[in-house]
Amino acid sequence: MLTLLFFILLISIFFKAFVIAVKAAWGVSKIFVTIIMLPLMLAGMVLSGLISLAFPVLLVIGAIVLIKSIVVAV
């Protein structure tokens, strides 16, 4: 009986640690994409001749950031 209780608690702790690890990985991946991949993607688009597509993407992202900063400040 004690062994069963031990394994139930062990599985519970494992799943809680797994959820925390997934949340941490998600946060790190969002930072990585935002800070590193997005500027590289936009620069690659400009260098390959897709400035007509890169500029609207940059405008939309800029508008989102501007609106988000205004909402957070209020």
Protein backbone atom coordinates (compact mmCIF):
# COMPACT_ATOMS: atom_id res chain seq x y z
CA MET A 1 0.00 0.00 0.00
CA LEU A 2 2.82 2.36 0.86
CA THR A 3 4.54 1.49 -2.42
CA LEU A 4 1.41 2.39 -4.38
CA LEU A 5 1.17 5.73 -2.60
CA PHE A 6 4.86 6.36 -3.32
CA PHE A 7 4.43 5.69 -7.05
CA ILE A 8 1.30 7.85 -7.27
CA LEU A 9 3.13 10.78 -5.66
CA LEU A 10 6.21 10.14 -7.80
CA ILE A 11 4.12 10.28 -10.98
CA SER A 12 2.39 13.41 -9.74
CA ILE A 13 5.70 15.17 -9.08
CA PHE A 14 7.05 14.01 -12.45
CA PHE A 15 4.09 15.49 -14.33
CA LYS A 16 4.28 18.77 -12.42
CA ALA A 17 7.99 19.04 -13.23
CA PHE A 18 7.22 18.20 -16.86
CA VAL A 19 4.61 20.98 -17.05
CA ILE A 20 7.07 23.49 -15.57
CA ALA A 21 9.74 22.38 -18.07
CA VAL A 22 7.35 22.82 -21.00
CA LYS A 23 6.38 26.30 -19.81
CA ALA A 24 10.06 27.26 -19.46
CA ALA A 25 10.90 25.90 -22.91
CA TRP A 26 7.96 27.78 -24.42
CA GLY A 27 9.19 31.03 -22.85
CA VAL A 28 12.72 30.50 -24.09
CA SER A 29 11.52 29.67 -27.60
CA LYS A 30 9.38 32.82 -27.75
CA ILE A 31 12.38 34.93 -26.75
CA PHE A 32 14.58 33.16 -29.30
CA VAL A 33 12.12 33.66 -32.14
CA THR A 34 11.41 37.29 -31.26
CA ILE A 35 14.96 38.48 -30.69
CA ILE A 36 16.99 36.34 -33.10
CA MET A 37 14.86 34.71 -35.78
CA LEU A 38 12.48 37.54 -36.68
CA PRO A 39 15.17 40.12 -37.54
CA LEU A 40 17.14 37.48 -39.45
CA MET A 41 14.03 36.46 -41.37
CA LEU A 42 13.23 40.08 -42.28
CA ALA A 43 16.84 40.78 -43.32
CA GLY A 44 16.85 37.62 -45.44
CA MET A 45 13.62 38.67 -47.10
CA VAL A 46 15.07 42.09 -47.94
CA LEU A 47 18.31 40.60 -49.28
CA SER A 48 16.44 38.09 -51.44
CA GLY A 49 14.29 40.80 -53.00
CA LEU A 50 11.10 40.35 -51.00
CA ILE A 51 11.05 43.85 -49.55
CA SER A 52 7.46 44.26 -50.73
CA LEU A 53 6.54 41.46 -48.31
CA ALA A 54 9.03 42.27 -45.52
CA PHE A 55 7.91 45.89 -45.11
CA PRO A 56 4.22 45.12 -44.36
CA VAL A 57 5.30 42.40 -41.93
CA LEU A 58 7.54 44.92 -40.18
CA LEU A 59 4.69 47.46 -40.06
CA VAL A 60 2.24 44.95 -38.58
CA ILE A 61 4.73 43.80 -35.93
CA GLY A 62 5.56 47.42 -35.11
CA ALA A 63 1.87 48.27 -34.71
CA ILE A 64 1.32 45.27 -32.43
CA VAL A 65 4.29 46.25 -30.26
CA LEU A 66 3.13 49.87 -30.10
CA ILE A 67 -0.43 48.92 -29.11
CA LYS A 68 0.83 46.40 -26.58
CA SER A 69 3.11 48.97 -24.96
CA ILE A 70 0.24 51.49 -24.72
CA VAL A 71 -2.10 48.92 -23.18
CA VAL A 72 0.51 47.79 -20.64
CA ALA A 73 1.29 51.41 -19.67
CA VAL A 74 -2.36 52.14 -18.88
